[in-house]
Amino acid sequence: MNRILKSEKDYLESLRRIEEIFDAAPGTPEGDEAELLVLLIKNYEARYHPVLPPDPIEAIKLTMEEKGMKAKDLVGLIGSKGYVSQILNRKKPLTAEIMRVLNRQLGIPADILLS
């Protein structure tokens, strides 16, 4: 099935097929089919299953967890213990300066912090 995916059934069939031929060598008929299916699947997912950007506060918490950080570790970066707590509890908004610091110091992408 190498055609535009128009239904969830088409999508699921394409996912099953890509699993079967995923390791096909490039330049072979199955390799070409896999390459085409990837494009069709990506197009369908972008239209019907878009991945929404993560919530900025959840991204901060996840990054902190991955880096083994606690809220107190942000105190020196963005403000007092109370201010950090208010930000993490959504009682204070992220300012442009705080977003810059989190981007530079924790590596959180700016587009996530801005969403």
PDB file of N, CA and C in Angstrom:
ATOM      1  N   MET A   1       0.842  -1.182   0.000  1.00  0.00           N
ATOM      2  CA  MET A   1       0.000   0.000   0.000  1.00  0.00           C
ATOM      3  C   MET A   1       0.885   1.243   0.000  1.00  0.00           C
ATOM      4  N   ASN A   2       1.103   1.795  -1.139  1.00  0.00           N
ATOM      5  CA  ASN A   2       1.912   3.001  -1.251  1.00  0.00           C
ATOM      6  C   ASN A   2       1.045   4.125  -1.811  1.00  0.00           C
ATOM      7  N   ARG A   3       0.202   4.639  -0.951  1.00  0.00           N
ATOM      8  CA  ARG A   3      -0.694   5.716  -1.346  1.00  0.00           C
ATOM      9  C   ARG A   3      -0.919   6.617  -0.146  1.00  0.00           C
ATOM     10  N   ILE A   4      -1.523   7.743  -0.376  1.00  0.00           N
ATOM     11  CA  ILE A   4      -1.818   8.679   0.706  1.00  0.00           C
ATOM     12  C   ILE A   4      -2.663   7.971   1.762  1.00  0.00           C
ATOM     13  N   LEU A   5      -2.297   8.163   3.018  1.00  0.00           N
ATOM     14  CA  LEU A   5      -3.051   7.555   4.117  1.00  0.00           C
ATOM     15  C   LEU A   5      -4.236   8.457   4.437  1.00  0.00           C
ATOM     16  N   LYS A   6      -5.432   7.912   4.294  1.00  0.00           N
ATOM     17  CA  LYS A   6      -6.635   8.715   4.470  1.00  0.00           C
ATOM     18  C   LYS A   6      -7.480   8.287   5.660  1.00  0.00           C
ATOM     19  N   SER A   7      -7.112   7.194   6.284  1.00  0.00           N
ATOM     20  CA  SER A   7      -7.908   6.715   7.417  1.00  0.00           C
ATOM     21  C   SER A   7      -6.984   6.102   8.471  1.00  0.00           C
ATOM     22  N   GLU A   8      -7.540   5.901   9.631  1.00  0.00           N
ATOM     23  CA  GLU A   8      -6.786   5.259  10.702  1.00  0.00           C
ATOM     24  C   GLU A   8      -6.427   3.826  10.299  1.00  0.00           C
ATOM     25  N   LYS A   9      -7.303   3.189   9.550  1.00  0.00           N
ATOM     26  CA  LYS A   9      -7.025   1.830   9.064  1.00  0.00           C
ATOM     27  C   LYS A   9      -5.789   1.834   8.156  1.00  0.00           C
ATOM     28  N   ASP A  10      -5.729   2.796   7.220  1.00  0.00           N
ATOM     29  CA  ASP A  10      -4.550   2.919   6.345  1.00  0.00           C
ATOM     30  C   ASP A  10      -3.287   3.130   7.175  1.00  0.00           C
ATOM     31  N   TYR A  11      -3.406   3.993   8.165  1.00  0.00           N
ATOM     32  CA  TYR A  11      -2.279   4.321   9.038  1.00  0.00           C
ATOM     33  C   TYR A  11      -1.785   3.076   9.770  1.00  0.00           C
ATOM     34  N   LEU A  12      -2.702   2.335  10.386  1.00  0.00           N
ATOM     35  CA  LEU A  12      -2.323   1.138  11.136  1.00  0.00           C
ATOM     36  C   LEU A  12      -1.719   0.071  10.231  1.00  0.00           C
ATOM     37  N   GLU A  13      -2.261  -0.083   9.035  1.00  0.00           N
ATOM     38  CA  GLU A  13      -1.698  -1.040   8.078  1.00  0.00           C
ATOM     39  C   GLU A  13      -0.274  -0.630   7.688  1.00  0.00           C
ATOM     40  N   SER A  14      -0.067   0.654   7.518  1.00  0.00           N
ATOM     41  CA  SER A  14       1.272   1.154   7.168  1.00  0.00           C
ATOM     42  C   SER A  14       2.256   0.927   8.303  1.00  0.00           C
ATOM     43  N   LEU A  15       1.804   1.116   9.530  1.00  0.00           N
ATOM     44  CA  LEU A  15       2.671   0.851  10.684  1.00  0.00           C
ATOM     45  C   LEU A  15       3.062  -0.622  10.754  1.00  0.00           C
ATOM     46  N   ARG A  16       2.097  -1.480  10.505  1.00  0.00           N
ATOM     47  CA  ARG A  16       2.401  -2.924  10.501  1.00  0.00           C
ATOM     48  C   ARG A  16       3.408  -3.265   9.399  1.00  0.00           C
ATOM     49  N   ARG A  17       3.195  -2.693   8.236  1.00  0.00           N
ATOM     50  CA  ARG A  17       4.094  -2.985   7.112  1.00  0.00           C
ATOM     51  C   ARG A  17       5.503  -2.455   7.368  1.00  0.00           C
ATOM     52  N   ILE A  18       5.602  -1.272   7.926  1.00  0.00           N
ATOM     53  CA  ILE A  18       6.936  -0.698   8.168  1.00  0.00           C
ATOM     54  C   ILE A  18       7.700  -1.559   9.183  1.00  0.00           C
ATOM     55  N   GLU A  19       6.979  -2.164  10.123  1.00  0.00           N
ATOM     56  CA  GLU A  19       7.632  -3.072  11.077  1.00  0.00           C
ATOM     57  C   GLU A  19       8.221  -4.279  10.352  1.00  0.00           C
ATOM     58  N   GLU A  20       7.518  -4.759   9.335  1.00  0.00           N
ATOM     59  CA  GLU A  20       7.973  -5.934   8.586  1.00  0.00           C
ATOM     60  C   GLU A  20       9.234  -5.642   7.769  1.00  0.00           C
ATOM     61  N   ILE A  21       9.327  -4.447   7.211  1.00  0.00           N
ATOM     62  CA  ILE A  21      10.423  -4.148   6.274  1.00  0.00           C
ATOM     63  C   ILE A  21      11.388  -3.091   6.791  1.00  0.00           C
ATOM     64  N   PHE A  22      11.323  -2.784   8.072  1.00  0.00           N
ATOM     65  CA  PHE A  22      12.112  -1.692   8.635  1.00  0.00           C
ATOM     66  C   PHE A  22      13.610  -1.830   8.372  1.00  0.00           C
ATOM     67  N   ASP A  23      14.123  -3.027   8.413  1.00  0.00           N
ATOM     68  CA  ASP A  23      15.565  -3.240   8.250  1.00  0.00           C
ATOM     69  C   ASP A  23      15.978  -3.506   6.799  1.00  0.00           C
ATOM     70  N   ALA A  24      15.081  -3.227   5.867  1.00  0.00           N
ATOM     71  CA  ALA A  24      15.406  -3.456   4.455  1.00  0.00           C
ATOM     72  C   ALA A  24      16.576  -2.578   4.020  1.00  0.00           C
ATOM     73  N   ALA A  25      17.402  -3.113   3.171  1.00  0.00           N
ATOM     74  CA  ALA A  25      18.577  -2.383   2.691  1.00  0.00           C
ATOM     75  C   ALA A  25      18.144  -1.228   1.779  1.00  0.00           C
ATOM     76  N   PRO A  26      18.790  -0.082   1.913  1.00  0.00           N
ATOM     77  CA  PRO A  26      18.481   1.053   1.028  1.00  0.00           C
ATOM     78  C   PRO A  26      18.745   0.673  -0.429  1.00  0.00           C
ATOM     79  N   GLY A  27      17.898   1.211  -1.306  1.00  0.00           N
ATOM     80  CA  GLY A  27      18.078   0.969  -2.728  1.00  0.00           C
ATOM     81  C   GLY A  27      17.409  -0.302  -3.231  1.00  0.00           C
ATOM     82  N   THR A  28      16.893  -1.108  -2.314  1.00  0.00           N
ATOM     83  CA  THR A  28      16.142  -2.306  -2.713  1.00  0.00           C
ATOM     84  C   THR A  28      14.675  -1.928  -2.809  1.00  0.00           C
ATOM     85  N   PRO A  29      13.871  -2.748  -3.467  1.00  0.00           N
ATOM     86  CA  PRO A  29      12.435  -2.436  -3.530  1.00  0.00           C
ATOM     87  C   PRO A  29      11.808  -2.257  -2.145  1.00  0.00           C
ATOM     88  N   GLU A  30      12.161  -3.144  -1.210  1.00  0.00           N
ATOM     89  CA  GLU A  30      11.618  -2.997   0.146  1.00  0.00           C
ATOM     90  C   GLU A  30      12.197  -1.776   0.854  1.00  0.00           C
ATOM     91  N   GLY A  31      13.454  -1.464   0.598  1.00  0.00           N
ATOM     92  CA  GLY A  31      14.055  -0.265   1.177  1.00  0.00           C
ATOM     93  C   GLY A  31      13.365   0.991   0.680  1.00  0.00           C
ATOM     94  N   ASP A  32      13.069   1.022  -0.624  1.00  0.00           N
ATOM     95  CA  ASP A  32      12.351   2.160  -1.203  1.00  0.00           C
ATOM     96  C   ASP A  32      10.939   2.253  -0.625  1.00  0.00           C
ATOM     97  N   GLU A  33      10.301   1.098  -0.460  1.00  0.00           N
ATOM     98  CA  GLU A  33       8.954   1.080   0.125  1.00  0.00           C
ATOM     99  C   GLU A  33       8.985   1.596   1.564  1.00  0.00           C
ATOM    100  N   ALA A  34       9.980   1.192   2.323  1.00  0.00           N
ATOM    101  CA  ALA A  34      10.110   1.653   3.712  1.00  0.00           C
ATOM    102  C   ALA A  34      10.295   3.163   3.758  1.00  0.00           C
ATOM    103  N   GLU A  35      11.127   3.679   2.878  1.00  0.00           N
ATOM    104  CA  GLU A  35      11.365   5.118   2.833  1.00  0.00           C
ATOM    105  C   GLU A  35      10.075   5.881   2.514  1.00  0.00           C
ATOM    106  N   LEU A  36       9.320   5.381   1.574  1.00  0.00           N
ATOM    107  CA  LEU A  36       8.047   6.005   1.208  1.00  0.00           C
ATOM    108  C   LEU A  36       7.038   5.910   2.353  1.00  0.00           C
ATOM    109  N   LEU A  37       6.968   4.746   2.995  1.00  0.00           N
ATOM    110  CA  LEU A  37       6.043   4.578   4.107  1.00  0.00           C
ATOM    111  C   LEU A  37       6.361   5.531   5.261  1.00  0.00           C
ATOM    112  N   VAL A  38       7.631   5.734   5.524  1.00  0.00           N
ATOM    113  CA  VAL A  38       8.016   6.679   6.583  1.00  0.00           C
ATOM    114  C   VAL A  38       7.461   8.066   6.273  1.00  0.00           C
ATOM    115  N   LEU A  39       7.589   8.502   5.031  1.00  0.00           N
ATOM    116  CA  LEU A  39       7.063   9.817   4.639  1.00  0.00           C
ATOM    117  C   LEU A  39       5.543   9.873   4.773  1.00  0.00           C
ATOM    118  N   LEU A  40       4.869   8.820   4.319  1.00  0.00           N
ATOM    119  CA  LEU A  40       3.412   8.781   4.418  1.00  0.00           C
ATOM    120  C   LEU A  40       2.942   8.776   5.870  1.00  0.00           C
ATOM    121  N   ILE A  41       3.616   8.004   6.702  1.00  0.00           N
ATOM    122  CA  ILE A  41       3.266   7.918   8.124  1.00  0.00           C
ATOM    123  C   ILE A  41       3.504   9.259   8.807  1.00  0.00           C
ATOM    124  N   LYS A  42       4.641   9.891   8.542  1.00  0.00           N
ATOM    125  CA  LYS A  42       4.934  11.202   9.141  1.00  0.00           C
ATOM    126  C   LYS A  42       3.887  12.231   8.737  1.00  0.00           C
ATOM    127  N   ASN A  43       3.505  12.215   7.479  1.00  0.00           N
ATOM    128  CA  ASN A  43       2.497  13.149   6.993  1.00  0.00           C
ATOM    129  C   ASN A  43       1.163  12.925   7.708  1.00  0.00           C
ATOM    130  N   TYR A  44       0.756  11.675   7.831  1.00  0.00           N
ATOM    131  CA  TYR A  44      -0.506  11.354   8.500  1.00  0.00           C
ATOM    132  C   TYR A  44      -0.447  11.771   9.970  1.00  0.00           C
ATOM    133  N   GLU A  45       0.640  11.445  10.646  1.00  0.00           N
ATOM    134  CA  GLU A  45       0.772  11.785  12.067  1.00  0.00           C
ATOM    135  C   GLU A  45       0.771  13.292  12.284  1.00  0.00           C
ATOM    136  N   ALA A  46       1.419  14.025  11.398  1.00  0.00           N
ATOM    137  CA  ALA A  46       1.442  15.485  11.537  1.00  0.00           C
ATOM    138  C   ALA A  46       0.032  16.054  11.421  1.00  0.00           C
ATOM    139  N   ARG A  47      -0.774  15.441  10.588  1.00  0.00           N
ATOM    140  CA  ARG A  47      -2.134  15.935  10.372  1.00  0.00           C
ATOM    141  C   ARG A  47      -3.110  15.457  11.445  1.00  0.00           C
ATOM    142  N   TYR A  48      -3.034  14.184  11.828  1.00  0.00           N
ATOM    143  CA  TYR A  48      -4.059  13.603  12.695  1.00  0.00           C
ATOM    144  C   TYR A  48      -3.598  13.232  14.103  1.00  0.00           C
ATOM    145  N   HIS A  49      -2.302  13.178  14.317  1.00  0.00           N
ATOM    146  CA  HIS A  49      -1.761  12.845  15.636  1.00  0.00           C
ATOM    147  C   HIS A  49      -0.616  13.798  15.986  1.00  0.00           C
ATOM    148  N   PRO A  50      -0.877  15.105  15.944  1.00  0.00           N
ATOM    149  CA  PRO A  50       0.231  16.033  16.194  1.00  0.00           C
ATOM    150  C   PRO A  50       0.765  15.892  17.625  1.00  0.00           C
ATOM    151  N   VAL A  51       2.057  16.033  17.739  1.00  0.00           N
ATOM    152  CA  VAL A  51       2.699  16.000  19.049  1.00  0.00           C
ATOM    153  C   VAL A  51       2.752  17.441  19.545  1.00  0.00           C
ATOM    154  N   LEU A  52       2.042  17.674  20.616  1.00  0.00           N
ATOM    155  CA  LEU A  52       2.004  19.022  21.172  1.00  0.00           C
ATOM    156  C   LEU A  52       3.280  19.277  21.969  1.00  0.00           C
ATOM    157  N   PRO A  53       3.732  20.524  21.967  1.00  0.00           N
ATOM    158  CA  PRO A  53       4.932  20.815  22.747  1.00  0.00           C
ATOM    159  C   PRO A  53       4.652  20.595  24.230  1.00  0.00           C
ATOM    160  N   PRO A  54       5.659  20.160  24.957  1.00  0.00           N
ATOM    161  CA  PRO A  54       5.450  19.931  26.388  1.00  0.00           C
ATOM    162  C   PRO A  54       5.184  21.240  27.122  1.00  0.00           C
ATOM    163  N   ASP A  55       4.482  21.112  28.214  1.00  0.00           N
ATOM    164  CA  ASP A  55       4.230  22.247  29.080  1.00  0.00           C
ATOM    165  C   ASP A  55       5.569  22.749  29.640  1.00  0.00           C
ATOM    166  N   PRO A  56       5.813  24.063  29.643  1.00  0.00           N
ATOM    167  CA  PRO A  56       7.105  24.579  30.108  1.00  0.00           C
ATOM    168  C   PRO A  56       7.467  24.161  31.539  1.00  0.00           C
ATOM    169  N   ILE A  57       6.503  24.214  32.446  1.00  0.00           N
ATOM    170  CA  ILE A  57       6.800  23.850  33.836  1.00  0.00           C
ATOM    171  C   ILE A  57       7.105  22.359  33.932  1.00  0.00           C
ATOM    172  N   GLU A  58       6.349  21.543  33.204  1.00  0.00           N
ATOM    173  CA  GLU A  58       6.635  20.106  33.205  1.00  0.00           C
ATOM    174  C   GLU A  58       8.005  19.829  32.597  1.00  0.00           C
ATOM    175  N   ALA A  59       8.381  20.598  31.588  1.00  0.00           N
ATOM    176  CA  ALA A  59       9.706  20.442  30.977  1.00  0.00           C
ATOM    177  C   ALA A  59      10.804  20.798  31.980  1.00  0.00           C
ATOM    178  N   ILE A  60      10.585  21.838  32.758  1.00  0.00           N
ATOM    179  CA  ILE A  60      11.555  22.230  33.789  1.00  0.00           C
ATOM    180  C   ILE A  60      11.683  21.105  34.819  1.00  0.00           C
ATOM    181  N   LYS A  61      10.553  20.605  35.289  1.00  0.00           N
ATOM    182  CA  LYS A  61      10.571  19.536  36.303  1.00  0.00           C
ATOM    183  C   LYS A  61      11.237  18.276  35.769  1.00  0.00           C
ATOM    184  N   LEU A  62      10.929  17.916  34.531  1.00  0.00           N
ATOM    185  CA  LEU A  62      11.524  16.728  33.934  1.00  0.00           C
ATOM    186  C   LEU A  62      13.037  16.892  33.787  1.00  0.00           C
ATOM    187  N   THR A  63      13.464  18.055  33.328  1.00  0.00           N
ATOM    188  CA  THR A  63      14.892  18.319  33.174  1.00  0.00           C
ATOM    189  C   THR A  63      15.594  18.259  34.528  1.00  0.00           C
ATOM    190  N   MET A  64      14.961  18.837  35.537  1.00  0.00           N
ATOM    191  CA  MET A  64      15.540  18.792  36.886  1.00  0.00           C
ATOM    192  C   MET A  64      15.674  17.347  37.359  1.00  0.00           C
ATOM    193  N   GLU A  65      14.639  16.553  37.128  1.00  0.00           N
ATOM    194  CA  GLU A  65      14.674  15.152  37.535  1.00  0.00           C
ATOM    195  C   GLU A  65      15.793  14.403  36.806  1.00  0.00           C
ATOM    196  N   GLU A  66      15.912  14.642  35.500  1.00  0.00           N
ATOM    197  CA  GLU A  66      16.956  13.977  34.710  1.00  0.00           C
ATOM    198  C   GLU A  66      18.348  14.351  35.188  1.00  0.00           C
ATOM    199  N   LYS A  67      18.498  15.588  35.655  1.00  0.00           N
ATOM    200  CA  LYS A  67      19.808  16.064  36.103  1.00  0.00           C
ATOM    201  C   LYS A  67      20.023  15.852  37.606  1.00  0.00           C
ATOM    202  N   GLY A  68      19.046  15.231  38.272  1.00  0.00           N
ATOM    203  CA  GLY A  68      19.160  14.995  39.704  1.00  0.00           C
ATOM    204  C   GLY A  68      19.107  16.270  40.527  1.00  0.00           C
ATOM    205  N   MET A  69      18.364  17.239  40.046  1.00  0.00           N
ATOM    206  CA  MET A  69      18.273  18.539  40.720  1.00  0.00           C
ATOM    207  C   MET A  69      17.009  18.616  41.572  1.00  0.00           C
ATOM    208  N   LYS A  70      17.076  19.455  42.578  1.00  0.00           N
ATOM    209  CA  LYS A  70      15.929  19.780  43.427  1.00  0.00           C
ATOM    210  C   LYS A  70      15.595  21.250  43.207  1.00  0.00           C
ATOM    211  N   ALA A  71      14.447  21.660  43.691  1.00  0.00           N
ATOM    212  CA  ALA A  71      14.030  23.064  43.562  1.00  0.00           C
ATOM    213  C   ALA A  71      15.075  24.001  44.152  1.00  0.00           C
ATOM    214  N   LYS A  72      15.709  23.594  45.239  1.00  0.00           N
ATOM    215  CA  LYS A  72      16.718  24.449  45.883  1.00  0.00           C
ATOM    216  C   LYS A  72      17.897  24.729  44.959  1.00  0.00           C
ATOM    217  N   ASP A  73      18.133  23.845  43.982  1.00  0.00           N
ATOM    218  CA  ASP A  73      19.233  24.050  43.044  1.00  0.00           C
ATOM    219  C   ASP A  73      18.963  25.202  42.077  1.00  0.00           C
ATOM    220  N   LEU A  74      17.703  25.597  41.955  1.00  0.00           N
ATOM    221  CA  LEU A  74      17.357  26.733  41.090  1.00  0.00           C
ATOM    222  C   LEU A  74      17.447  28.062  41.817  1.00  0.00           C
ATOM    223  N   VAL A  75      17.568  28.026  43.136  1.00  0.00           N
ATOM    224  CA  VAL A  75      17.563  29.255  43.929  1.00  0.00           C
ATOM    225  C   VAL A  75      18.640  30.223  43.460  1.00  0.00           C
ATOM    226  N   GLY A  76      19.821  29.782  43.260  1.00  0.00           N
ATOM    227  CA  GLY A  76      20.886  30.671  42.818  1.00  0.00           C
ATOM    228  C   GLY A  76      20.736  31.145  41.383  1.00  0.00           C
ATOM    229  N   LEU A  77      19.941  30.420  40.621  1.00  0.00           N
ATOM    230  CA  LEU A  77      19.783  30.753  39.206  1.00  0.00           C
ATOM    231  C   LEU A  77      18.649  31.737  38.940  1.00  0.00           C
ATOM    232  N   ILE A  78      17.503  31.529  39.596  1.00  0.00           N
ATOM    233  CA  ILE A  78      16.338  32.335  39.221  1.00  0.00           C
ATOM    234  C   ILE A  78      15.679  33.101  40.357  1.00  0.00           C
ATOM    235  N   GLY A  79      16.131  32.931  41.568  1.00  0.00           N
ATOM    236  CA  GLY A  79      15.535  33.721  42.644  1.00  0.00           C
ATOM    237  C   GLY A  79      15.493  32.963  43.956  1.00  0.00           C
ATOM    238  N   SER A  80      14.698  33.494  44.868  1.00  0.00           N
ATOM    239  CA  SER A  80      14.602  32.918  46.207  1.00  0.00           C
ATOM    240  C   SER A  80      13.880  31.582  46.195  1.00  0.00           C
ATOM    241  N   LYS A  81      13.952  30.868  47.304  1.00  0.00           N
ATOM    242  CA  LYS A  81      13.286  29.580  47.441  1.00  0.00           C
ATOM    243  C   LYS A  81      11.779  29.735  47.217  1.00  0.00           C
ATOM    244  N   GLY A  82      11.199  30.778  47.784  1.00  0.00           N
ATOM    245  CA  GLY A  82       9.766  31.018  47.627  1.00  0.00           C
ATOM    246  C   GLY A  82       9.398  31.317  46.186  1.00  0.00           C
ATOM    247  N   TYR A  83      10.238  32.091  45.508  1.00  0.00           N
ATOM    248  CA  TYR A  83       9.970  32.455  44.121  1.00  0.00           C
ATOM    249  C   TYR A  83      10.059  31.226  43.219  1.00  0.00           C
ATOM    250  N   VAL A  84      11.063  30.393  43.448  1.00  0.00           N
ATOM    251  CA  VAL A  84      11.215  29.157  42.680  1.00  0.00           C
ATOM    252  C   VAL A  84       9.985  28.279  42.898  1.00  0.00           C
ATOM    253  N   SER A  85       9.553  28.158  44.144  1.00  0.00           N
ATOM    254  CA  SER A  85       8.379  27.364  44.472  1.00  0.00           C
ATOM    255  C   SER A  85       7.141  27.894  43.761  1.00  0.00           C
ATOM    256  N   GLN A  86       6.979  29.206  43.745  1.00  0.00           N
ATOM    257  CA  GLN A  86       5.816  29.801  43.084  1.00  0.00           C
ATOM    258  C   GLN A  86       5.834  29.527  41.574  1.00  0.00           C
ATOM    259  N   ILE A  87       6.999  29.573  40.978  1.00  0.00           N
ATOM    260  CA  ILE A  87       7.102  29.279  39.541  1.00  0.00           C
ATOM    261  C   ILE A  87       6.759  27.821  39.281  1.00  0.00           C
ATOM    262  N   LEU A  88       7.352  26.912  40.057  1.00  0.00           N
ATOM    263  CA  LEU A  88       7.111  25.485  39.847  1.00  0.00           C
ATOM    264  C   LEU A  88       5.672  25.075  40.164  1.00  0.00           C
ATOM    265  N   ASN A  89       4.989  25.882  40.977  1.00  0.00           N
ATOM    266  CA  ASN A  89       3.584  25.618  41.306  1.00  0.00           C
ATOM    267  C   ASN A  89       2.628  26.480  40.486  1.00  0.00           C
ATOM    268  N   ARG A  90       3.173  27.139  39.458  1.00  0.00           N
ATOM    269  CA  ARG A  90       2.387  27.926  38.501  1.00  0.00           C
ATOM    270  C   ARG A  90       1.697  29.144  39.109  1.00  0.00           C
ATOM    271  N   LYS A  91       2.243  29.653  40.182  1.00  0.00           N
ATOM    272  CA  LYS A  91       1.662  30.844  40.809  1.00  0.00           C
ATOM    273  C   LYS A  91       2.319  32.119  40.303  1.00  0.00           C
ATOM    274  N   LYS A  92       3.495  31.983  39.729  1.00  0.00           N
ATOM    275  CA  LYS A  92       4.218  33.097  39.101  1.00  0.00           C
ATOM    276  C   LYS A  92       4.559  32.680  37.685  1.00  0.00           C
ATOM    277  N   PRO A  93       4.490  33.609  36.747  1.00  0.00           N
ATOM    278  CA  PRO A  93       4.819  33.269  35.359  1.00  0.00           C
ATOM    279  C   PRO A  93       6.330  33.227  35.130  1.00  0.00           C
ATOM    280  N   LEU A  94       6.724  32.531  34.089  1.00  0.00           N
ATOM    281  CA  LEU A  94       8.119  32.550  33.661  1.00  0.00           C
ATOM    282  C   LEU A  94       8.372  33.885  32.973  1.00  0.00           C
ATOM    283  N   THR A  95       9.396  34.577  33.401  1.00  0.00           N
ATOM    284  CA  THR A  95       9.762  35.828  32.729  1.00  0.00           C
ATOM    285  C   THR A  95      10.770  35.521  31.630  1.00  0.00           C
ATOM    286  N   ALA A  96      10.969  36.492  30.768  1.00  0.00           N
ATOM    287  CA  ALA A  96      11.941  36.315  29.682  1.00  0.00           C
ATOM    288  C   ALA A  96      13.330  36.021  30.243  1.00  0.00           C
ATOM    289  N   GLU A  97      13.706  36.712  31.306  1.00  0.00           N
ATOM    290  CA  GLU A  97      15.030  36.497  31.895  1.00  0.00           C
ATOM    291  C   GLU A  97      15.157  35.090  32.483  1.00  0.00           C
ATOM    292  N   ILE A  98      14.128  34.629  33.149  1.00  0.00           N
ATOM    293  CA  ILE A  98      14.160  33.273  33.715  1.00  0.00           C
ATOM    294  C   ILE A  98      14.229  32.242  32.592  1.00  0.00           C
ATOM    295  N   MET A  99      13.492  32.468  31.518  1.00  0.00           N
ATOM    296  CA  MET A  99      13.552  31.547  30.381  1.00  0.00           C
ATOM    297  C   MET A  99      14.952  31.502  29.800  1.00  0.00           C
ATOM    298  N   ARG A 100      15.597  32.659  29.693  1.00  0.00           N
ATOM    299  CA  ARG A 100      16.977  32.689  29.176  1.00  0.00           C
ATOM    300  C   ARG A 100      17.905  31.873  30.068  1.00  0.00           C
ATOM    301  N   VAL A 101      17.771  32.050  31.375  1.00  0.00           N
ATOM    302  CA  VAL A 101      18.626  31.332  32.323  1.00  0.00           C
ATOM    303  C   VAL A 101      18.386  29.822  32.219  1.00  0.00           C
ATOM    304  N   LEU A 102      17.121  29.426  32.186  1.00  0.00           N
ATOM    305  CA  LEU A 102      16.808  27.994  32.103  1.00  0.00           C
ATOM    306  C   LEU A 102      17.290  27.393  30.789  1.00  0.00           C
ATOM    307  N   ASN A 103      17.204  28.173  29.734  1.00  0.00           N
ATOM    308  CA  ASN A 103      17.707  27.723  28.434  1.00  0.00           C
ATOM    309  C   ASN A 103      19.218  27.528  28.490  1.00  0.00           C
ATOM    310  N   ARG A 104      19.920  28.499  29.008  1.00  0.00           N
ATOM    311  CA  ARG A 104      21.394  28.434  29.054  1.00  0.00           C
ATOM    312  C   ARG A 104      21.913  27.436  30.076  1.00  0.00           C
ATOM    313  N   GLN A 105      21.341  27.459  31.271  1.00  0.00           N
ATOM    314  CA  GLN A 105      21.883  26.645  32.357  1.00  0.00           C
ATOM    315  C   GLN A 105      21.399  25.197  32.357  1.00  0.00           C
ATOM    316  N   LEU A 106      20.135  24.984  31.946  1.00  0.00           N
ATOM    317  CA  LEU A 106      19.599  23.624  31.981  1.00  0.00           C
ATOM    318  C   LEU A 106      19.453  23.020  30.575  1.00  0.00           C
ATOM    319  N   GLY A 107      19.616  23.849  29.550  1.00  0.00           N
ATOM    320  CA  GLY A 107      19.521  23.343  28.198  1.00  0.00           C
ATOM    321  C   GLY A 107      18.092  23.092  27.706  1.00  0.00           C
ATOM    322  N   ILE A 108      17.125  23.705  28.363  1.00  0.00           N
ATOM    323  CA  ILE A 108      15.735  23.541  27.931  1.00  0.00           C
ATOM    324  C   ILE A 108      15.537  24.412  26.698  1.00  0.00           C
ATOM    325  N   PRO A 109      15.066  23.836  25.603  1.00  0.00           N
ATOM    326  CA  PRO A 109      14.894  24.624  24.370  1.00  0.00           C
ATOM    327  C   PRO A 109      13.958  25.819  24.572  1.00  0.00           C
ATOM    328  N   ALA A 110      14.323  26.924  23.977  1.00  0.00           N
ATOM    329  CA  ALA A 110      13.539  28.156  24.117  1.00  0.00           C
ATOM    330  C   ALA A 110      12.107  27.984  23.642  1.00  0.00           C
ATOM    331  N   ASP A 111      11.906  27.250  22.555  1.00  0.00           N
ATOM    332  CA  ASP A 111      10.533  27.098  22.041  1.00  0.00           C
ATOM    333  C   ASP A 111       9.633  26.371  23.025  1.00  0.00           C
ATOM    334  N   ILE A 112      10.187  25.490  23.847  1.00  0.00           N
ATOM    335  CA  ILE A 112       9.390  24.813  24.883  1.00  0.00           C
ATOM    336  C   ILE A 112       9.057  25.795  25.993  1.00  0.00           C
ATOM    337  N   LEU A 113      10.028  26.585  26.406  1.00  0.00           N
ATOM    338  CA  LEU A 113       9.790  27.551  27.480  1.00  0.00           C
ATOM    339  C   LEU A 113       8.788  28.632  27.060  1.00  0.00           C
ATOM    340  N   LEU A 114       8.765  28.953  25.792  1.00  0.00           N
ATOM    341  CA  LEU A 114       7.860  29.996  25.291  1.00  0.00           C
ATOM    342  C   LEU A 114       6.442  29.503  25.041  1.00  0.00           C
ATOM    343  N   SER A 115       6.245  28.185  25.003  1.00  0.00           N
ATOM    344  CA  SER A 115       4.909  27.674  24.663  1.00  0.00           C
ATOM    345  C   SER A 115       3.941  27.805  25.820  1.00  0.00           C
TER     346      SER A 115
END
